[in-house]
């Protein structure tokens, strides 16, 4: 049970980190549309 909770917390932390990183990239590039257009 404890291991499952730790694993869940790990995934939650990983998802939060990826989201914040993606948000930083999104802001740094001024949105995804310009990068998609090239």
Protein backbone atom coordinates (compact mmCIF):
# COMPACT_ATOMS: atom_id res chain seq x y z
CA UNK A 1 0.00 0.00 0.00
CA UNK A 2 2.77 2.43 0.91
CA UNK A 3 4.67 1.63 -2.28
CA UNK A 4 1.58 2.32 -4.37
CA UNK A 5 1.10 5.69 -2.68
CA UNK A 6 4.74 6.62 -3.24
CA UNK A 7 4.46 5.64 -6.90
CA UNK A 8 1.31 7.75 -7.29
CA UNK A 9 3.04 10.72 -5.68
CA UNK A 10 6.01 10.24 -8.01
CA UNK A 11 3.79 10.26 -11.10
CA UNK A 12 1.89 13.29 -9.80
CA UNK A 13 5.17 15.15 -9.24
CA UNK A 14 6.46 14.11 -12.68
CA UNK A 15 3.26 15.30 -14.38
CA UNK A 16 3.41 18.60 -12.50
CA UNK A 17 7.04 19.10 -13.55
CA UNK A 18 6.26 18.31 -17.19
CA UNK A 19 3.29 20.68 -17.16
CA UNK A 20 5.32 23.55 -15.71
CA UNK A 21 8.14 22.86 -18.21
CA UNK A 22 5.69 22.80 -21.12
CA UNK A 23 4.12 26.02 -19.87
CA UNK A 24 7.55 27.67 -19.73
CA UNK A 25 8.25 26.59 -23.32
CA UNK A 26 4.81 27.82 -24.40
CA UNK A 27 5.43 31.24 -22.85
CA UNK A 28 9.02 31.44 -24.11
CA UNK A 29 7.88 30.84 -27.70
CA UNK A 30 4.82 33.06 -27.44
CA UNK A 31 2.42 30.18 -27.99
CA UNK A 32 2.50 27.06 -30.13
CA UNK A 33 0.96 28.53 -33.30
CA UNK A 34 4.11 30.43 -34.45
CA UNK A 35 6.33 27.37 -33.97
CA UNK A 36 3.86 25.15 -35.84
CA UNK A 37 3.83 27.56 -38.77
CA UNK A 38 7.60 27.70 -38.73
